[in-house]
Structures are given as C-alpha cells and as structure tokens.
C-alpha cells in the first residue's frame, strides 16, 4: 500500500470471515499506482479468525468490537444485515 497521508479510506465489511477477508486484504495491499490509503477492518466476537489476521497485515487497522448486540436475532436476515451495518459503521470514526 502506498505510504503517506491517506487520500482514501477503505472500510472492509466482514461477511464470511477468514479466507474471504484475506483475499480482499491481499488485493488491497498489492495495489499498484493507488493513492495513499488506509484500510480498516472492524470485527466482532463472532468472527475471531479475522482478528488473528492482524499480524499478517501490519498496515491494516483491525478494530475489535467485542460482543455486538443486535435488535433482531443475529442469525435472521435482518439481524445479519444489522450486524454488517454495525461492523461497517464501527470503522468510520477511526478513519483519518
């Protein structure tokens, strides 16, 4: 990833965890000719394997959210949508 003051903030919303996130991060850190960017990944207790990726991607900021409460059952489609929105929005205050 290009160094310097970020011109672009990329918030990765985790849906499937592990290998899917690894593929996205690999593609982002290998960008050629991209503007300086920051990559943020918010994750919660339901996807602990994502936090374990932090050591492999030192230029990516991983934001641990702990346990996330949803108003709808987390396994329902509406609850999943709410959880993904909460993950995405948790990273926004951390952008530069």
N, C-alpha and C. Protein backbone atom coordinates (compact mmCIF):
# COMPACT_ATOMS: atom_id res chain seq x y z
N UNK A 1 0.84 -1.17 0.00
CA UNK A 1 0.00 0.00 0.00
C UNK A 1 0.88 1.23 0.00
N UNK A 2 0.52 2.23 -0.75
CA UNK A 2 1.31 3.45 -0.76
C UNK A 2 1.33 4.10 0.63
N UNK A 3 2.49 4.62 1.00
CA UNK A 3 2.62 5.29 2.29
C UNK A 3 2.24 6.75 2.15
N UNK A 4 2.13 7.43 3.27
CA UNK A 4 1.80 8.84 3.26
C UNK A 4 0.43 9.08 3.87
N UNK A 5 0.04 10.35 3.89
CA UNK A 5 -1.27 10.71 4.42
C UNK A 5 -2.34 10.11 3.52
N UNK A 6 -3.25 9.34 4.09
CA UNK A 6 -4.25 8.68 3.24
C UNK A 6 -5.15 9.67 2.50
N UNK A 7 -5.34 9.41 1.24
CA UNK A 7 -6.32 10.14 0.44
C UNK A 7 -7.60 9.33 0.32
N UNK A 8 -7.51 8.06 0.68
CA UNK A 8 -8.61 7.14 0.53
C UNK A 8 -8.70 6.25 1.76
N UNK A 9 -9.90 6.10 2.30
CA UNK A 9 -10.14 5.17 3.40
C UNK A 9 -11.00 4.03 2.88
N UNK A 10 -10.52 2.80 3.07
CA UNK A 10 -11.26 1.62 2.64
C UNK A 10 -11.71 0.87 3.89
N UNK A 11 -13.03 0.76 4.06
CA UNK A 11 -13.59 0.02 5.18
C UNK A 11 -14.04 -1.33 4.65
N UNK A 12 -13.42 -2.38 5.14
CA UNK A 12 -13.77 -3.74 4.72
C UNK A 12 -14.84 -4.27 5.68
N UNK A 13 -16.00 -4.57 5.15
CA UNK A 13 -17.08 -5.13 5.95
C UNK A 13 -17.00 -6.65 5.88
N UNK A 14 -16.83 -7.27 7.02
CA UNK A 14 -16.67 -8.72 7.07
C UNK A 14 -18.03 -9.41 7.02
N UNK A 15 -18.17 -10.32 6.06
CA UNK A 15 -19.39 -11.11 5.94
C UNK A 15 -19.08 -12.57 6.24
N UNK A 16 -18.08 -13.14 5.57
CA UNK A 16 -17.76 -14.55 5.72
C UNK A 16 -16.51 -14.82 6.56
N UNK A 17 -15.71 -13.81 6.84
CA UNK A 17 -14.53 -14.00 7.66
C UNK A 17 -13.36 -14.62 6.93
N UNK A 18 -12.40 -15.10 7.71
CA UNK A 18 -11.20 -15.80 7.28
C UNK A 18 -10.68 -15.60 5.88
N UNK A 19 -10.85 -16.61 5.04
CA UNK A 19 -10.25 -16.61 3.71
C UNK A 19 -10.80 -15.50 2.82
N UNK A 20 -12.07 -15.18 2.94
CA UNK A 20 -12.64 -14.10 2.13
C UNK A 20 -11.96 -12.77 2.46
N UNK A 21 -11.76 -12.52 3.75
CA UNK A 21 -11.11 -11.27 4.17
C UNK A 21 -9.65 -11.28 3.72
N UNK A 22 -8.99 -12.39 3.86
CA UNK A 22 -7.59 -12.50 3.42
C UNK A 22 -7.46 -12.15 1.94
N UNK A 23 -8.35 -12.65 1.11
CA UNK A 23 -8.31 -12.35 -0.33
C UNK A 23 -8.48 -10.87 -0.62
N UNK A 24 -9.41 -10.23 0.08
CA UNK A 24 -9.64 -8.80 -0.10
C UNK A 24 -8.41 -8.01 0.35
N UNK A 25 -7.86 -8.35 1.51
CA UNK A 25 -6.70 -7.62 2.03
C UNK A 25 -5.48 -7.82 1.14
N UNK A 26 -5.28 -9.04 0.65
CA UNK A 26 -4.16 -9.28 -0.27
C UNK A 26 -4.27 -8.36 -1.49
N UNK A 27 -5.45 -8.25 -2.05
CA UNK A 27 -5.65 -7.40 -3.22
C UNK A 27 -5.42 -5.93 -2.89
N UNK A 28 -5.87 -5.49 -1.74
CA UNK A 28 -5.70 -4.08 -1.37
C UNK A 28 -4.25 -3.72 -1.11
N UNK A 29 -3.51 -4.56 -0.40
CA UNK A 29 -2.13 -4.20 -0.07
C UNK A 29 -1.20 -4.30 -1.27
N UNK A 30 -1.63 -4.97 -2.34
CA UNK A 30 -0.79 -5.10 -3.54
C UNK A 30 -1.16 -4.11 -4.64
N UNK A 31 -1.95 -3.12 -4.33
CA UNK A 31 -2.38 -2.15 -5.34
C UNK A 31 -1.17 -1.42 -5.92
N UNK A 32 -1.12 -1.32 -7.24
CA UNK A 32 -0.09 -0.54 -7.94
C UNK A 32 -0.70 0.76 -8.42
N UNK A 33 -0.03 1.86 -8.15
CA UNK A 33 -0.49 3.15 -8.63
C UNK A 33 -1.69 3.70 -7.88
N UNK A 34 -2.03 3.10 -6.76
CA UNK A 34 -3.16 3.58 -5.97
C UNK A 34 -2.74 4.80 -5.16
N UNK A 35 -3.69 5.67 -4.83
CA UNK A 35 -3.35 6.79 -3.95
C UNK A 35 -3.05 6.26 -2.55
N UNK A 36 -2.37 7.07 -1.74
CA UNK A 36 -2.16 6.64 -0.36
C UNK A 36 -3.51 6.31 0.28
N UNK A 37 -3.59 5.14 0.91
CA UNK A 37 -4.86 4.74 1.50
C UNK A 37 -4.65 4.07 2.84
N UNK A 38 -5.73 4.07 3.59
CA UNK A 38 -5.78 3.31 4.83
C UNK A 38 -6.87 2.25 4.67
N UNK A 39 -6.62 1.10 5.25
CA UNK A 39 -7.59 0.00 5.20
C UNK A 39 -7.98 -0.33 6.63
N UNK A 40 -9.28 -0.36 6.89
CA UNK A 40 -9.79 -0.64 8.22
C UNK A 40 -10.72 -1.84 8.17
N UNK A 41 -10.58 -2.72 9.16
CA UNK A 41 -11.44 -3.90 9.26
C UNK A 41 -12.00 -3.96 10.68
N UNK A 42 -13.30 -3.74 10.80
CA UNK A 42 -13.95 -3.89 12.11
C UNK A 42 -14.44 -5.33 12.23
N UNK A 43 -14.19 -5.94 13.37
CA UNK A 43 -14.60 -7.33 13.57
C UNK A 43 -15.13 -7.50 14.99
N UNK A 44 -15.95 -8.52 15.17
CA UNK A 44 -16.55 -8.76 16.48
C UNK A 44 -16.28 -10.20 16.92
N UNK A 45 -16.80 -10.54 18.08
CA UNK A 45 -16.53 -11.86 18.68
C UNK A 45 -17.05 -13.04 17.85
N UNK A 46 -17.96 -12.80 16.91
CA UNK A 46 -18.49 -13.90 16.11
C UNK A 46 -17.52 -14.33 15.01
N UNK A 47 -16.49 -13.53 14.77
CA UNK A 47 -15.52 -13.85 13.71
C UNK A 47 -14.09 -13.67 14.24
N UNK A 48 -13.68 -14.44 15.28
CA UNK A 48 -12.37 -14.25 15.90
C UNK A 48 -11.21 -14.49 14.95
N UNK A 49 -11.40 -15.29 13.90
CA UNK A 49 -10.30 -15.56 12.96
C UNK A 49 -9.85 -14.29 12.25
N UNK A 50 -10.73 -13.30 12.16
CA UNK A 50 -10.35 -12.05 11.49
C UNK A 50 -9.32 -11.30 12.33
N UNK A 51 -9.51 -11.23 13.63
CA UNK A 51 -8.54 -10.56 14.50
C UNK A 51 -7.18 -11.22 14.44
N UNK A 52 -7.16 -12.52 14.22
CA UNK A 52 -5.89 -13.25 14.11
C UNK A 52 -5.12 -12.86 12.85
N UNK A 53 -5.76 -12.25 11.88
CA UNK A 53 -5.08 -11.83 10.65
C UNK A 53 -4.23 -10.57 10.85
N UNK A 54 -4.42 -9.88 11.94
CA UNK A 54 -3.74 -8.60 12.16
C UNK A 54 -2.22 -8.72 12.03
N UNK A 55 -1.63 -9.77 12.52
CA UNK A 55 -0.17 -9.92 12.44
C UNK A 55 0.31 -10.05 11.00
N UNK A 56 -0.51 -10.62 10.14
CA UNK A 56 -0.13 -10.81 8.73
C UNK A 56 -0.29 -9.54 7.91
N UNK A 57 -1.03 -8.57 8.42
CA UNK A 57 -1.30 -7.33 7.68
C UNK A 57 -1.02 -6.12 8.58
N UNK A 58 0.25 -5.81 8.82
CA UNK A 58 0.58 -4.73 9.76
C UNK A 58 0.15 -3.34 9.30
N UNK A 59 -0.11 -3.15 8.02
CA UNK A 59 -0.53 -1.83 7.54
C UNK A 59 -2.04 -1.64 7.59
N UNK A 60 -2.77 -2.69 7.95
CA UNK A 60 -4.23 -2.64 8.04
C UNK A 60 -4.60 -2.42 9.50
N UNK A 61 -5.59 -1.56 9.73
CA UNK A 61 -6.06 -1.34 11.10
C UNK A 61 -7.26 -2.24 11.39
N UNK A 62 -7.10 -3.11 12.36
CA UNK A 62 -8.17 -4.00 12.79
C UNK A 62 -8.81 -3.40 14.03
N UNK A 63 -10.12 -3.26 14.01
CA UNK A 63 -10.85 -2.63 15.10
C UNK A 63 -11.71 -3.69 15.78
N UNK A 64 -11.31 -4.06 16.99
CA UNK A 64 -12.05 -5.08 17.74
C UNK A 64 -13.29 -4.46 18.36
N UNK A 65 -14.44 -5.03 18.07
CA UNK A 65 -15.71 -4.51 18.56
C UNK A 65 -16.24 -5.28 19.77
N UNK A 66 -15.63 -6.40 20.11
CA UNK A 66 -16.15 -7.22 21.20
C UNK A 66 -17.46 -7.87 20.81
N UNK A 67 -18.38 -7.94 21.76
CA UNK A 67 -19.69 -8.52 21.50
C UNK A 67 -20.62 -7.44 20.99
N UNK A 68 -21.27 -7.70 19.88
CA UNK A 68 -22.18 -6.73 19.27
C UNK A 68 -23.61 -7.20 19.49
N UNK A 69 -24.40 -6.34 20.10
CA UNK A 69 -25.82 -6.64 20.32
C UNK A 69 -26.62 -6.14 19.12
N UNK A 70 -27.54 -6.95 18.66
CA UNK A 70 -28.43 -6.53 17.58
C UNK A 70 -29.86 -6.53 18.10
N UNK A 71 -30.69 -5.71 17.50
CA UNK A 71 -32.09 -5.65 17.92
C UNK A 71 -32.89 -6.83 17.38
N UNK A 72 -32.41 -7.39 16.28
CA UNK A 72 -33.08 -8.54 15.67
C UNK A 72 -32.22 -9.77 15.92
N UNK A 73 -32.81 -10.97 15.84
CA UNK A 73 -32.00 -12.18 16.04
C UNK A 73 -30.81 -12.18 15.07
N UNK A 74 -29.59 -12.35 15.57
CA UNK A 74 -28.40 -12.23 14.72
C UNK A 74 -28.33 -13.24 13.58
N UNK A 75 -29.03 -14.33 13.67
CA UNK A 75 -28.99 -15.32 12.59
C UNK A 75 -30.09 -15.10 11.55
N UNK A 76 -30.99 -14.15 11.80
CA UNK A 76 -32.03 -13.85 10.82
C UNK A 76 -31.45 -12.94 9.74
N UNK A 77 -32.04 -12.89 8.56
CA UNK A 77 -31.54 -11.99 7.51
C UNK A 77 -31.47 -10.53 7.98
N UNK A 78 -32.49 -10.07 8.69
CA UNK A 78 -32.48 -8.69 9.17
C UNK A 78 -31.39 -8.49 10.22
N UNK A 79 -31.20 -9.47 11.09
CA UNK A 79 -30.15 -9.38 12.10
C UNK A 79 -28.76 -9.39 11.48
N UNK A 80 -28.56 -10.21 10.45
CA UNK A 80 -27.28 -10.24 9.74
C UNK A 80 -27.00 -8.88 9.09
N UNK A 81 -28.01 -8.32 8.45
CA UNK A 81 -27.86 -7.01 7.81
C UNK A 81 -27.49 -5.96 8.86
N UNK A 82 -28.15 -5.99 9.99
CA UNK A 82 -27.85 -5.05 11.07
C UNK A 82 -26.42 -5.23 11.57
N UNK A 83 -25.99 -6.47 11.73
CA UNK A 83 -24.64 -6.75 12.20
C UNK A 83 -23.60 -6.23 11.21
N UNK A 84 -23.82 -6.45 9.91
CA UNK A 84 -22.88 -5.95 8.91
C UNK A 84 -22.83 -4.42 8.94
N UNK A 85 -23.98 -3.78 9.09
CA UNK A 85 -24.01 -2.31 9.18
C UNK A 85 -23.26 -1.82 10.40
N UNK A 86 -23.40 -2.51 11.51
CA UNK A 86 -22.69 -2.10 12.73
C UNK A 86 -21.18 -2.26 12.56
N UNK A 87 -20.76 -3.33 11.91
CA UNK A 87 -19.32 -3.51 11.65
C UNK A 87 -18.80 -2.39 10.77
N UNK A 88 -19.52 -2.11 9.70
CA UNK A 88 -19.08 -1.07 8.77
C UNK A 88 -19.00 0.29 9.48
N UNK A 89 -20.03 0.63 10.24
CA UNK A 89 -20.06 1.94 10.88
C UNK A 89 -19.05 2.04 12.03
N UNK A 90 -18.66 0.93 12.63
CA UNK A 90 -17.68 0.97 13.72
C UNK A 90 -16.32 1.46 13.25
N UNK A 91 -16.00 1.24 12.00
CA UNK A 91 -14.69 1.65 11.47
C UNK A 91 -14.66 3.14 11.12
N UNK A 92 -15.79 3.73 10.82
CA UNK A 92 -15.80 5.11 10.33
C UNK A 92 -15.15 6.12 11.27
N UNK A 93 -15.38 6.07 12.59
CA UNK A 93 -14.73 7.05 13.46
C UNK A 93 -13.20 6.92 13.49
N UNK A 94 -12.67 5.81 13.01
CA UNK A 94 -11.23 5.56 13.04
C UNK A 94 -10.52 6.02 11.76
N UNK A 95 -11.26 6.51 10.78
CA UNK A 95 -10.62 6.97 9.55
C UNK A 95 -9.92 8.30 9.79
N UNK A 96 -8.90 8.57 8.97
CA UNK A 96 -8.17 9.83 9.15
C UNK A 96 -8.64 10.88 8.18
